[in-house]
């Protein structure tokens, strides 16, 4: 890839994981980047984790808990917080705030 690519929200690949709206903007052999939205009280599906990639979450707006079953622990993220999920760890998002939660996520080297 040698060209700069701009992708609008409307052009991103979109799907649902339970009550979580997911958008994938880019997926290359080096990185995957996307965004998730959860309405207040919404819960996402469990993501089984990524065998060959670390994943970073960045909380753009709102407040979520991210449950990781291997740790048997909930991690609290609020606006401006980031979380690094090691390869192979599952995770599930819960919007515990009173506004829509918006998180970006990226996996490297790929998903």
N, C-alpha and C. Protein backbone atom coordinates (compact mmCIF):
# COMPACT_ATOMS: atom_id res chain seq x y z
N UNK A 1 0.85 -1.17 0.00
CA UNK A 1 0.00 0.00 0.00
C UNK A 1 0.89 1.24 0.00
N UNK A 2 0.64 2.12 -0.93
CA UNK A 2 1.45 3.33 -1.01
C UNK A 2 0.62 4.60 -0.99
N UNK A 3 -0.70 4.48 -1.09
CA UNK A 3 -1.56 5.65 -1.13
C UNK A 3 -2.21 5.91 0.22
N UNK A 4 -2.44 7.18 0.52
CA UNK A 4 -3.21 7.56 1.70
C UNK A 4 -4.68 7.28 1.39
N UNK A 5 -5.39 6.73 2.36
CA UNK A 5 -6.80 6.39 2.18
C UNK A 5 -7.61 7.07 3.27
N UNK A 6 -8.68 7.76 2.88
CA UNK A 6 -9.61 8.36 3.83
C UNK A 6 -10.92 7.59 3.73
N UNK A 7 -11.45 7.15 4.87
CA UNK A 7 -12.69 6.39 4.90
C UNK A 7 -13.69 7.10 5.79
N UNK A 8 -14.87 7.37 5.28
CA UNK A 8 -15.92 8.00 6.09
C UNK A 8 -16.63 6.93 6.93
N UNK A 9 -17.30 7.39 7.96
CA UNK A 9 -18.05 6.49 8.83
C UNK A 9 -19.06 5.68 8.03
N UNK A 10 -19.68 6.31 7.03
CA UNK A 10 -20.69 5.63 6.22
C UNK A 10 -20.09 4.57 5.30
N UNK A 11 -18.79 4.67 5.01
CA UNK A 11 -18.15 3.71 4.12
C UNK A 11 -17.45 2.56 4.86
N UNK A 12 -17.36 2.66 6.18
CA UNK A 12 -16.73 1.58 6.96
C UNK A 12 -17.63 0.34 6.95
N UNK A 13 -17.02 -0.82 7.03
CA UNK A 13 -17.80 -2.08 7.17
C UNK A 13 -18.49 -2.05 8.52
N UNK A 14 -19.78 -2.35 8.58
CA UNK A 14 -20.54 -2.25 9.82
C UNK A 14 -21.22 -3.58 10.14
N UNK A 15 -21.27 -3.93 11.43
CA UNK A 15 -21.97 -5.12 11.89
C UNK A 15 -22.31 -4.95 13.37
N UNK A 16 -23.14 -5.85 13.87
CA UNK A 16 -23.54 -5.85 15.27
C UNK A 16 -22.90 -7.03 15.99
N UNK A 17 -22.45 -6.79 17.20
CA UNK A 17 -22.04 -7.85 18.12
C UNK A 17 -22.90 -7.69 19.35
N UNK A 18 -23.99 -8.42 19.40
CA UNK A 18 -25.07 -8.23 20.37
C UNK A 18 -25.56 -6.79 20.26
N UNK A 19 -25.40 -5.96 21.30
CA UNK A 19 -25.90 -4.58 21.26
C UNK A 19 -24.80 -3.58 20.89
N UNK A 20 -23.66 -4.06 20.48
CA UNK A 20 -22.51 -3.22 20.12
C UNK A 20 -22.47 -3.02 18.60
N UNK A 21 -22.50 -1.76 18.19
CA UNK A 21 -22.36 -1.43 16.76
C UNK A 21 -20.86 -1.32 16.46
N UNK A 22 -20.38 -2.13 15.54
CA UNK A 22 -18.95 -2.16 15.20
C UNK A 22 -18.74 -1.66 13.78
N UNK A 23 -17.69 -0.88 13.62
CA UNK A 23 -17.30 -0.41 12.30
C UNK A 23 -15.81 -0.70 12.11
N UNK A 24 -15.49 -1.33 10.99
CA UNK A 24 -14.09 -1.57 10.66
C UNK A 24 -13.72 -0.63 9.51
N UNK A 25 -12.76 0.25 9.79
CA UNK A 25 -12.32 1.22 8.80
C UNK A 25 -11.20 0.68 7.93
N UNK A 26 -10.27 -0.03 8.55
CA UNK A 26 -9.10 -0.53 7.81
C UNK A 26 -8.71 -1.91 8.33
N UNK A 27 -8.32 -2.76 7.39
CA UNK A 27 -7.76 -4.06 7.73
C UNK A 27 -6.67 -4.35 6.70
N UNK A 28 -5.43 -4.34 7.15
CA UNK A 28 -4.30 -4.65 6.28
C UNK A 28 -3.54 -5.81 6.90
N UNK A 29 -2.44 -6.22 6.29
CA UNK A 29 -1.64 -7.29 6.88
C UNK A 29 -0.83 -6.80 8.07
N UNK A 30 -0.86 -5.48 8.35
CA UNK A 30 -0.10 -4.91 9.47
C UNK A 30 -0.97 -4.39 10.61
N UNK A 31 -2.21 -3.96 10.32
CA UNK A 31 -3.05 -3.37 11.36
C UNK A 31 -4.52 -3.46 10.98
N UNK A 32 -5.37 -3.53 12.00
CA UNK A 32 -6.81 -3.41 11.84
C UNK A 32 -7.26 -2.27 12.74
N UNK A 33 -8.15 -1.41 12.23
CA UNK A 33 -8.63 -0.27 13.01
C UNK A 33 -10.14 -0.14 12.85
N UNK A 34 -10.80 0.08 13.98
CA UNK A 34 -12.25 0.24 13.95
C UNK A 34 -12.77 1.02 15.13
N UNK A 35 -14.11 1.05 15.24
CA UNK A 35 -14.79 1.80 16.28
C UNK A 35 -16.02 1.02 16.72
N UNK A 36 -16.34 1.12 18.01
CA UNK A 36 -17.55 0.51 18.54
C UNK A 36 -18.37 1.56 19.26
N UNK A 37 -19.70 1.41 19.19
CA UNK A 37 -20.63 2.27 19.90
C UNK A 37 -21.59 1.39 20.69
N UNK A 38 -21.84 1.80 21.93
CA UNK A 38 -22.81 1.11 22.78
C UNK A 38 -23.70 2.16 23.43
N UNK A 39 -25.00 1.99 23.31
CA UNK A 39 -25.94 2.89 23.98
C UNK A 39 -25.90 2.64 25.49
N UNK A 40 -26.38 3.57 26.30
CA UNK A 40 -26.38 3.36 27.76
C UNK A 40 -27.05 2.03 28.12
N UNK A 41 -26.39 1.26 28.95
CA UNK A 41 -26.90 -0.04 29.38
C UNK A 41 -26.63 -1.18 28.41
N UNK A 42 -26.10 -0.89 27.24
CA UNK A 42 -25.87 -1.93 26.22
C UNK A 42 -24.66 -2.79 26.56
N UNK A 43 -24.70 -4.03 26.06
CA UNK A 43 -23.63 -5.00 26.28
C UNK A 43 -23.22 -5.58 24.92
N UNK A 44 -21.92 -5.67 24.69
CA UNK A 44 -21.41 -6.26 23.46
C UNK A 44 -21.25 -7.76 23.61
N UNK A 45 -20.99 -8.41 22.50
CA UNK A 45 -20.72 -9.85 22.51
C UNK A 45 -19.31 -10.09 23.02
N UNK A 46 -19.05 -11.31 23.46
CA UNK A 46 -17.69 -11.64 23.87
C UNK A 46 -16.82 -11.80 22.63
N UNK A 47 -15.70 -11.11 22.63
CA UNK A 47 -14.71 -11.25 21.56
C UNK A 47 -13.69 -12.27 22.06
N UNK A 48 -13.46 -13.36 21.34
CA UNK A 48 -12.59 -14.41 21.84
C UNK A 48 -11.11 -14.03 21.92
N UNK A 49 -10.78 -12.86 21.44
CA UNK A 49 -9.38 -12.45 21.45
C UNK A 49 -8.74 -12.77 20.11
N UNK A 50 -7.50 -12.37 19.98
CA UNK A 50 -6.82 -12.48 18.70
C UNK A 50 -5.52 -13.26 18.90
N UNK A 51 -5.41 -14.37 18.19
CA UNK A 51 -4.28 -15.28 18.39
C UNK A 51 -2.94 -14.66 18.05
N UNK A 52 -2.91 -13.74 17.10
CA UNK A 52 -1.63 -13.21 16.64
C UNK A 52 -1.49 -11.71 16.82
N UNK A 53 -2.41 -11.09 17.58
CA UNK A 53 -2.37 -9.62 17.66
C UNK A 53 -2.71 -9.14 19.05
N UNK A 54 -2.09 -8.05 19.43
CA UNK A 54 -2.51 -7.28 20.60
C UNK A 54 -3.62 -6.35 20.13
N UNK A 55 -4.51 -5.97 21.06
CA UNK A 55 -5.59 -5.03 20.71
C UNK A 55 -5.56 -3.87 21.68
N UNK A 56 -5.72 -2.67 21.14
CA UNK A 56 -5.79 -1.47 21.96
C UNK A 56 -7.19 -0.89 21.84
N UNK A 57 -7.79 -0.59 22.98
CA UNK A 57 -9.05 0.15 23.04
C UNK A 57 -8.75 1.56 23.52
N UNK A 58 -9.42 2.54 22.93
CA UNK A 58 -9.35 3.93 23.41
C UNK A 58 -10.77 4.42 23.57
N UNK A 59 -11.11 4.88 24.78
CA UNK A 59 -12.45 5.35 25.08
C UNK A 59 -12.56 6.82 24.68
N UNK A 60 -13.27 7.08 23.60
CA UNK A 60 -13.45 8.43 23.08
C UNK A 60 -14.52 9.17 23.87
N UNK A 61 -15.58 8.44 24.24
CA UNK A 61 -16.72 9.04 24.94
C UNK A 61 -17.38 8.00 25.82
N UNK A 62 -17.85 8.41 26.98
CA UNK A 62 -18.62 7.53 27.84
C UNK A 62 -17.79 6.80 28.87
N UNK A 63 -18.38 5.70 29.35
CA UNK A 63 -17.78 4.92 30.44
C UNK A 63 -18.18 3.47 30.25
N UNK A 64 -17.20 2.58 30.21
CA UNK A 64 -17.46 1.16 30.01
C UNK A 64 -16.68 0.32 31.00
N UNK A 65 -17.19 -0.89 31.18
CA UNK A 65 -16.42 -1.95 31.83
C UNK A 65 -16.07 -2.95 30.74
N UNK A 66 -14.85 -3.44 30.77
CA UNK A 66 -14.41 -4.47 29.85
C UNK A 66 -14.05 -5.69 30.68
N UNK A 67 -14.80 -6.78 30.48
CA UNK A 67 -14.57 -8.01 31.24
C UNK A 67 -13.61 -8.91 30.46
N UNK A 68 -12.57 -9.41 31.15
CA UNK A 68 -11.62 -10.36 30.58
C UNK A 68 -11.71 -11.62 31.43
N UNK A 69 -12.22 -12.71 30.83
CA UNK A 69 -12.50 -13.92 31.63
C UNK A 69 -11.22 -14.58 32.14
N UNK A 70 -10.13 -14.53 31.36
CA UNK A 70 -8.88 -15.15 31.82
C UNK A 70 -8.36 -14.48 33.10
N UNK A 71 -8.66 -13.21 33.28
CA UNK A 71 -8.27 -12.50 34.50
C UNK A 71 -9.37 -12.52 35.55
N UNK A 72 -10.59 -12.94 35.13
CA UNK A 72 -11.79 -12.85 35.97
C UNK A 72 -11.89 -11.46 36.58
N UNK A 73 -11.76 -10.45 35.68
CA UNK A 73 -11.69 -9.07 36.15
C UNK A 73 -12.39 -8.13 35.17
N UNK A 74 -13.02 -7.09 35.73
CA UNK A 74 -13.59 -6.00 34.95
C UNK A 74 -12.61 -4.83 34.99
N UNK A 75 -12.32 -4.27 33.80
CA UNK A 75 -11.46 -3.10 33.70
C UNK A 75 -12.33 -1.90 33.37
N UNK A 76 -12.15 -0.82 34.11
CA UNK A 76 -12.98 0.38 33.98
C UNK A 76 -12.30 1.38 33.05
N UNK A 77 -13.01 1.78 32.01
CA UNK A 77 -12.50 2.77 31.06
C UNK A 77 -13.47 3.93 30.98
N UNK A 78 -12.93 5.13 31.05
CA UNK A 78 -13.75 6.32 30.83
C UNK A 78 -13.05 7.18 29.80
N UNK A 79 -13.72 8.23 29.38
CA UNK A 79 -13.22 9.09 28.31
C UNK A 79 -11.74 9.43 28.50
N UNK A 80 -10.96 9.17 27.47
CA UNK A 80 -9.52 9.46 27.49
C UNK A 80 -8.65 8.31 27.94
N UNK A 81 -9.26 7.21 28.40
CA UNK A 81 -8.49 6.04 28.86
C UNK A 81 -8.22 5.09 27.71
N UNK A 82 -7.10 4.37 27.80
CA UNK A 82 -6.74 3.35 26.82
C UNK A 82 -6.47 2.04 27.55
N UNK A 83 -6.62 0.94 26.84
CA UNK A 83 -6.43 -0.40 27.41
C UNK A 83 -5.73 -1.27 26.37
N UNK A 84 -4.69 -1.97 26.79
CA UNK A 84 -3.98 -2.91 25.93
C UNK A 84 -4.40 -4.32 26.33
N UNK A 85 -4.96 -5.06 25.38
CA UNK A 85 -5.38 -6.44 25.61
C UNK A 85 -4.37 -7.36 24.91
N UNK A 86 -3.63 -8.17 25.68
CA UNK A 86 -2.65 -9.07 25.06
C UNK A 86 -3.32 -10.09 24.14
N UNK A 87 -2.54 -10.64 23.22
CA UNK A 87 -3.08 -11.63 22.29
C UNK A 87 -3.68 -12.80 23.06
N UNK A 88 -4.79 -13.32 22.52
CA UNK A 88 -5.43 -14.49 23.08
C UNK A 88 -6.36 -14.25 24.26
N UNK A 89 -6.48 -13.02 24.74
CA UNK A 89 -7.39 -12.74 25.86
C UNK A 89 -8.74 -12.27 25.34
N UNK A 90 -9.80 -12.92 25.83
CA UNK A 90 -11.14 -12.51 25.41
C UNK A 90 -11.54 -11.22 26.12
N UNK A 91 -12.62 -10.59 25.65
CA UNK A 91 -13.08 -9.35 26.25
C UNK A 91 -14.52 -9.08 25.83
N UNK A 92 -15.23 -8.39 26.74
CA UNK A 92 -16.64 -8.07 26.52
C UNK A 92 -16.90 -6.70 27.12
N UNK A 93 -17.60 -5.83 26.36
CA UNK A 93 -17.83 -4.45 26.77
C UNK A 93 -19.23 -4.25 27.33
N UNK A 94 -19.32 -3.44 28.39
CA UNK A 94 -20.57 -3.06 29.04
C UNK A 94 -20.59 -1.54 29.18
N UNK A 95 -21.60 -0.87 28.63
CA UNK A 95 -21.72 0.57 28.82
C UNK A 95 -22.41 0.80 30.16
N UNK A 96 -21.67 1.34 31.13
CA UNK A 96 -22.22 1.58 32.46
C UNK A 96 -22.53 3.06 32.68
N UNK A 97 -22.37 3.88 31.64
CA UNK A 97 -22.62 5.31 31.76
C UNK A 97 -24.01 5.69 31.30
N UNK A 98 -24.26 6.99 31.30
CA UNK A 98 -25.58 7.49 30.89
C UNK A 98 -25.55 8.16 29.52
N UNK A 99 -24.43 8.01 28.79
CA UNK A 99 -24.34 8.50 27.41
C UNK A 99 -23.82 7.36 26.53
N UNK A 100 -23.98 7.53 25.22
CA UNK A 100 -23.45 6.54 24.29
C UNK A 100 -21.94 6.42 24.49
N UNK A 101 -21.45 5.20 24.58
CA UNK A 101 -20.01 4.96 24.68
C UNK A 101 -19.46 4.79 23.27
N UNK A 102 -18.33 5.44 23.01
CA UNK A 102 -17.64 5.32 21.73
C UNK A 102 -16.20 4.91 22.04
N UNK A 103 -15.78 3.79 21.45
CA UNK A 103 -14.42 3.31 21.61
C UNK A 103 -13.81 3.05 20.25
N UNK A 104 -12.55 3.40 20.11
CA UNK A 104 -11.81 2.96 18.92
C UNK A 104 -11.00 1.74 19.33
N UNK A 105 -10.68 0.90 18.37
CA UNK A 105 -9.87 -0.28 18.64
C UNK A 105 -8.97 -0.54 17.45
N UNK A 106 -7.82 -1.08 17.79
CA UNK A 106 -6.88 -1.45 16.73
C UNK A 106 -6.14 -2.71 17.16
N UNK A 107 -5.82 -3.52 16.17
CA UNK A 107 -5.07 -4.75 16.40
C UNK A 107 -3.84 -4.72 15.52
N UNK A 108 -2.73 -5.18 16.08
CA UNK A 108 -1.50 -5.25 15.29
C UNK A 108 -0.73 -6.48 15.74
N UNK A 109 -0.11 -7.23 14.83
CA UNK A 109 0.07 -6.83 13.45
C UNK A 109 -1.19 -7.00 12.59
N UNK A 110 -2.11 -7.86 12.95
CA UNK A 110 -3.37 -7.99 12.23
C UNK A 110 -4.33 -8.75 13.11
N UNK A 111 -5.55 -8.87 12.68
CA UNK A 111 -6.61 -9.53 13.47
C UNK A 111 -6.88 -10.90 12.94
